[in-house]
Amino acid sequence: MAAPKNAFKAALREGRFQLGLWAALGSAYATEILSTSGYDWLLIDGEHGPNDMPLISAQIGALRHTPTHAMVRPPMGEAWILKQLLDQGAQTFLIPMVESAAEAEALVRALRYPPHGIRGVGAGLGRASDFNRTPDYITTANDQICLIVQVENRAGLAAIDEIAAVEGVDGIFIGPSDLAADMGHLGDPSAPEVLEAITHIFARTKAHGKARGIMTVSLPQAEVYRDLGADFLAIGTDVNCLVSAVENLRRSFLGEKEAEKRGGGY
C-alpha cells in the first residue's frame, strides 16, 4: 500500500483547471460543509485565519474522504511546522512570501524524506500513513507532495525565472493584494501595473512548465485571471461568503439597498 494519490497534483499535471475556495474560519464543521459544495480544493489558511495545528489537523481530517482536496498554508514556510503538517496528512502546501530560488529549494527539502530532503521519519504517529497502516508510505510519500510557492512582492517578481525553475516546485501562486501593496497600489490589485506584473509571472511560470495560481473575491477579476491562463484559482473565502449571505439576507428582508463593498485585501 502506497501513500494516497494527490488528486490535485495529478489534475495540474493533466492540465485540468482546479477551482478553489479559502477556508479561514478555523472550523472543521464549516470546512466539512464546504467540502461537498463542488470545489476542487480548499485552502486551509494558517497565515491569516485563526488556525493552529489542532484546528488544521481537524480540517484535514474533515476533508479526508471527500471529493475536495485539502491545500494547507502555514504562517511561514518553516521546516518544523511543515513536518507536523505532513504527518497530519497534508500533501499540498501553499507557502507565502517566497522571494528566491534558495528559499524554494529549502522548502522542497523540508517536504521530502532523505536522501532528497530533511523530513523526519515519524509519520507512523499520524494520519499521513493511516496511523502506520500504510506499509509503503515512507517510500512513496515524496512523489505525492505538491509544493506551491507564493510570489507576492517585487523581490519574488524579479526572481520569478529562478524560482519557477526549481525542481520540486509544482506551481507559482500570486498573492495579488500583497503584490499590489508592495508595488505602491495598496488595496488596488486591479491596477494596470499590477496586472502587467501578474501577466509576466504567468508567462514565465508557464515557460518553466509549472502551474499558475491566483485568488480573488471579485468574479469579474477572476474571469480576467482565468483568461490570462490560471490553472488553479480561488474565487472567494468562507468568511466573505458568510458575511455576504447574512448581510444580504437581512437587507433583502428589510428592502434595503446593497451596501458599498468594503475591502481588506480579500
Protein backbone atom coordinates (compact mmCIF):
# COMPACT_ATOMS: atom_id res chain seq x y z
CA MET A 1 0.00 0.00 0.00
CA ALA A 2 1.39 3.35 -1.11
CA ALA A 3 0.82 6.93 0.01
CA PRO A 4 -2.57 8.31 -1.08
CA LYS A 5 -2.62 9.73 -4.58
CA ASN A 6 -2.57 13.52 -4.67
CA ALA A 7 -5.56 14.23 -6.91
CA PHE A 8 -4.82 17.96 -7.08
CA LYS A 9 -1.24 17.40 -8.26
CA ALA A 10 -2.41 14.86 -10.81
CA ALA A 11 -5.02 17.29 -12.15
CA LEU A 12 -2.45 20.05 -12.61
CA ARG A 13 -0.14 17.69 -14.46
CA GLU A 14 -3.01 16.69 -16.75
CA GLY A 15 -3.92 20.32 -17.44
CA ARG A 16 -7.33 20.18 -15.72
CA PHE A 17 -8.40 23.53 -14.26
CA GLN A 18 -8.95 23.41 -10.49
CA LEU A 19 -11.40 25.75 -8.75
CA GLY A 20 -10.91 26.55 -5.08
CA LEU A 21 -12.09 28.48 -2.05
CA TRP A 22 -10.36 29.80 1.08
CA ALA A 23 -11.20 28.14 4.42
CA ALA A 24 -10.24 30.70 7.05
CA LEU A 25 -12.89 30.35 9.77
CA GLY A 26 -10.84 27.85 11.73
CA SER A 27 -13.76 25.42 11.93
CA ALA A 28 -13.70 21.76 10.88
CA TYR A 29 -17.51 21.85 10.83
CA ALA A 30 -17.54 24.75 8.34
CA THR A 31 -14.84 23.08 6.25
CA GLU A 32 -16.90 19.88 6.13
CA ILE A 33 -19.85 21.90 4.83
CA LEU A 34 -17.65 23.41 2.14
CA SER A 35 -16.24 20.01 1.16
CA THR A 36 -19.38 18.94 -0.71
CA SER A 37 -20.04 22.30 -2.36
CA GLY A 38 -18.39 21.39 -5.65
CA TYR A 39 -14.95 22.97 -5.27
CA ASP A 40 -11.90 21.01 -6.33
CA TRP A 41 -9.77 22.29 -3.45
CA LEU A 42 -9.97 24.26 -0.24
CA LEU A 43 -7.13 26.32 1.20
CA ILE A 44 -6.88 25.83 4.97
CA ASP A 45 -5.36 29.16 5.86
CA GLY A 46 -2.92 29.28 8.76
CA GLU A 47 -1.40 32.62 7.70
CA HIS A 48 -4.38 34.92 8.16
CA GLY A 49 -7.04 32.59 9.57
CA PRO A 50 -7.17 31.66 13.31
CA ASN A 51 -5.83 28.17 12.62
CA ASP A 52 -3.37 26.38 14.89
CA MET A 53 -2.10 22.81 14.43
CA PRO A 54 -5.06 21.01 16.10
CA LEU A 55 -7.57 23.06 14.10
CA ILE A 56 -5.71 22.49 10.82
CA SER A 57 -5.42 18.79 11.58
CA ALA A 58 -9.16 18.56 12.26
CA GLN A 59 -9.92 20.22 8.92
CA ILE A 60 -7.56 17.93 7.02
CA GLY A 61 -9.44 15.06 8.63
CA ALA A 62 -12.80 16.55 7.67
CA LEU A 63 -11.72 16.63 4.01
CA ARG A 64 -10.04 13.24 4.03
CA HIS A 65 -12.77 11.16 2.38
CA THR A 66 -14.46 13.91 0.39
CA PRO A 67 -14.11 14.97 -3.27
CA THR A 68 -12.41 18.23 -2.22
CA HIS A 69 -8.64 18.36 -1.83
CA ALA A 70 -7.00 19.96 1.21
CA MET A 71 -4.34 22.56 0.48
CA VAL A 72 -2.65 23.99 3.58
CA ARG A 73 -0.97 27.36 4.05
CA PRO A 74 1.19 27.64 7.18
CA PRO A 75 2.05 31.09 8.56
CA MET A 76 5.55 30.76 7.10
CA GLY A 77 7.50 28.02 5.37
CA GLU A 78 9.41 26.80 8.43
CA ALA A 79 10.61 23.19 8.37
CA TRP A 80 9.29 22.42 11.86
CA ILE A 81 5.69 23.28 11.06
CA LEU A 82 5.84 21.60 7.64
CA LYS A 83 7.00 18.41 9.39
CA GLN A 84 3.91 18.43 11.62
CA LEU A 85 1.53 19.23 8.76
CA LEU A 86 2.97 16.42 6.64
CA ASP A 87 2.40 13.88 9.40
CA GLN A 88 -1.18 15.13 9.80
CA GLY A 89 -1.82 14.16 6.19
CA ALA A 90 -1.29 17.39 4.26
CA GLN A 91 0.06 16.73 0.77
CA THR A 92 -0.33 20.10 -0.93
CA PHE A 93 1.25 23.23 0.51
CA LEU A 94 0.92 26.91 -0.31
CA ILE A 95 3.90 28.78 1.14
CA PRO A 96 3.70 32.58 1.48
CA MET A 97 6.31 35.19 0.59
CA VAL A 98 8.87 33.16 -1.35
CA GLU A 99 11.45 35.55 -2.77
CA SER A 100 14.30 33.43 -4.12
CA ALA A 101 15.29 30.09 -5.59
CA ALA A 102 17.23 29.33 -2.42
CA GLU A 103 14.07 29.67 -0.33
CA ALA A 104 12.16 27.45 -2.77
CA GLU A 105 14.91 24.81 -2.69
CA ALA A 106 14.83 24.77 1.12
CA LEU A 107 11.07 24.19 1.03
CA VAL A 108 11.46 21.27 -1.38
CA ARG A 109 13.92 19.65 1.02
CA ALA A 110 11.70 20.29 4.05
CA LEU A 111 8.84 18.39 2.40
CA ARG A 112 10.81 15.29 1.40
CA TYR A 113 12.34 12.34 3.16
CA PRO A 114 16.11 11.75 3.00
CA PRO A 115 18.17 11.47 0.91
CA HIS A 116 16.18 14.07 -1.07
CA GLY A 117 15.23 16.17 1.94
CA ILE A 118 15.18 16.58 5.70
CA ARG A 119 11.69 15.40 6.68
CA GLY A 120 11.75 13.43 9.91
CA VAL A 121 10.64 9.80 9.75
CA GLY A 122 7.73 9.79 12.21
CA ALA A 123 4.58 9.57 10.09
CA GLY A 124 3.58 6.33 11.83
CA LEU A 125 2.20 8.53 14.61
CA GLY A 126 -0.10 10.45 12.29
CA ARG A 127 -2.83 10.41 9.71
CA ALA A 128 -0.41 10.55 6.79
CA SER A 129 0.37 6.83 6.98
CA ASP A 130 -3.15 5.96 8.15
CA PHE A 131 -1.62 5.62 11.60
CA ASN A 132 1.06 3.21 10.41
CA ARG A 133 -1.38 1.06 8.43
CA THR A 134 0.22 2.03 5.08
CA PRO A 135 3.36 -0.10 4.90
CA ASP A 136 4.89 1.61 1.85
CA TYR A 137 4.11 5.16 2.95
CA ILE A 138 7.63 6.44 3.59
CA THR A 139 8.98 5.08 0.28
CA THR A 140 6.16 6.59 -1.80
CA ALA A 141 5.24 9.81 0.04
CA ASN A 142 7.68 12.13 -1.74
CA ASP A 143 6.03 11.62 -5.13
CA GLN A 144 2.64 12.76 -3.84
CA ILE A 145 3.80 16.05 -2.31
CA CYS A 146 2.73 19.19 -4.17
CA LEU A 147 4.56 22.44 -3.44
CA ILE A 148 3.02 25.74 -4.48
CA VAL A 149 5.04 28.85 -3.66
CA GLN A 150 3.60 32.33 -3.42
CA VAL A 151 5.18 35.20 -5.32
CA GLU A 152 3.72 38.35 -3.82
CA ASN A 153 6.28 41.13 -3.86
CA ARG A 154 8.82 42.79 -6.15
CA ALA A 155 11.65 40.56 -4.93
CA GLY A 156 9.75 37.45 -5.97
CA LEU A 157 8.76 39.10 -9.23
CA ALA A 158 12.41 39.83 -10.04
CA ALA A 159 13.39 36.23 -9.27
CA ILE A 160 10.44 34.53 -10.98
CA ASP A 161 12.54 32.60 -13.51
CA GLU A 162 14.90 31.24 -10.85
CA ILE A 163 12.03 30.29 -8.52
CA ALA A 164 9.95 28.62 -11.24
CA ALA A 165 12.96 26.62 -12.42
CA VAL A 166 13.44 24.88 -9.05
CA GLU A 167 12.82 21.14 -9.32
CA GLY A 168 10.13 20.15 -6.85
CA VAL A 169 8.17 23.38 -7.16
CA ASP A 170 4.88 22.39 -8.79
CA GLY A 171 3.33 25.80 -9.18
CA ILE A 172 3.53 29.54 -8.59
CA PHE A 173 0.69 31.28 -6.81
CA ILE A 174 0.37 35.04 -6.99
CA GLY A 175 -0.83 36.98 -3.97
CA PRO A 176 -2.35 39.95 -5.84
CA SER A 177 -3.16 42.05 -2.77
CA ASP A 178 0.35 41.80 -1.32
CA LEU A 179 1.94 42.26 -4.73
CA ALA A 180 -0.16 45.37 -5.31
CA ALA A 181 0.77 46.76 -1.89
CA ASP A 182 4.49 46.18 -2.48
CA MET A 183 4.20 47.91 -5.85
CA GLY A 184 2.62 51.00 -4.28
CA HIS A 185 -1.02 50.13 -5.02
CA LEU A 186 -2.31 49.14 -1.57
CA GLY A 187 -5.92 47.98 -1.87
CA ASP A 188 -5.91 48.06 -5.69
CA PRO A 189 -4.79 44.69 -7.13
CA SER A 190 -6.54 45.55 -10.41
CA ALA A 191 -4.14 48.46 -11.12
CA PRO A 192 -2.70 48.20 -14.66
CA GLU A 193 0.88 47.93 -13.39
CA VAL A 194 -0.08 45.05 -11.11
CA LEU A 195 -1.97 43.25 -13.88
CA GLU A 196 1.09 43.63 -16.10
CA ALA A 197 3.24 42.01 -13.40
CA ILE A 198 0.73 39.16 -12.99
CA THR A 199 0.71 38.59 -16.74
CA HIS A 200 4.53 38.43 -16.72
CA ILE A 201 4.61 35.96 -13.81
CA PHE A 202 2.05 33.73 -15.51
CA ALA A 203 4.04 33.77 -18.76
CA ARG A 204 7.35 32.90 -17.09
CA THR A 205 5.72 30.22 -14.92
CA LYS A 206 4.21 28.56 -17.98
CA ALA A 207 7.57 28.75 -19.77
CA HIS A 208 9.04 26.61 -16.99
CA GLY A 209 6.20 24.10 -17.20
CA LYS A 210 4.73 24.94 -13.81
CA ALA A 211 1.12 25.56 -12.82
CA ARG A 212 -0.21 29.10 -12.39
CA GLY A 213 -2.48 30.00 -9.48
CA ILE A 214 -4.13 33.08 -8.00
CA MET A 215 -7.12 34.14 -5.88
CA THR A 216 -9.66 36.94 -5.79
CA VAL A 217 -13.06 37.62 -4.25
CA SER A 218 -14.13 39.56 -7.35
CA LEU A 219 -15.79 37.41 -10.00
CA PRO A 220 -15.02 39.88 -12.83
CA GLN A 221 -11.37 39.83 -11.74
CA ALA A 222 -11.50 36.02 -11.57
CA GLU A 223 -12.58 35.94 -15.21
CA VAL A 224 -9.59 38.12 -16.11
CA TYR A 225 -7.21 35.77 -14.31
CA ARG A 226 -8.79 32.72 -15.94
CA ASP A 227 -8.40 34.32 -19.36
CA LEU A 228 -4.73 35.00 -18.53
CA GLY A 229 -4.25 31.27 -18.09
CA ALA A 230 -4.72 30.48 -14.39
CA ASP A 231 -4.53 26.72 -13.90
CA PHE A 232 -5.99 26.87 -10.40
CA LEU A 233 -8.00 29.72 -8.95
CA ALA A 234 -9.74 30.57 -5.68
CA ILE A 235 -12.82 32.75 -6.10
CA GLY A 236 -13.72 33.56 -2.51
CA THR A 237 -13.39 32.80 1.18
CA ASP A 238 -15.68 31.18 3.70
CA VAL A 239 -15.53 34.44 5.65
CA ASN A 240 -16.68 36.73 2.85
CA CYS A 241 -19.32 34.19 1.77
CA LEU A 242 -20.76 34.16 5.29
CA VAL A 243 -20.65 37.94 5.63
CA SER A 244 -22.29 38.42 2.24
CA ALA A 245 -25.01 35.84 2.87
CA VAL A 246 -26.10 37.11 6.28
CA GLU A 247 -25.99 40.78 5.28
CA ASN A 248 -27.85 40.20 2.00
CA LEU A 249 -30.49 38.13 3.80
CA ARG A 250 -31.17 40.96 6.26
CA ARG A 251 -31.17 43.65 3.57
CA SER A 252 -33.44 41.62 1.35
CA PHE A 253 -35.99 41.18 4.12
CA LEU A 254 -35.88 44.87 5.09
CA GLY A 255 -35.85 46.09 1.49
CA GLU A 256 -32.55 47.92 1.92
CA LYS A 257 -30.13 48.66 -0.88
CA GLU A 258 -26.91 46.72 -1.07
CA ALA A 259 -24.15 48.43 0.90
CA GLU A 260 -20.95 49.67 -0.73
CA LYS A 261 -18.33 46.94 -0.88
CA ARG A 262 -15.61 47.10 1.75
CA GLY A 263 -12.18 45.62 1.30
CA GLY A 264 -9.35 44.30 3.43
CA GLY A 265 -7.32 42.52 0.77
CA TYR A 266 -9.61 39.55 0.21
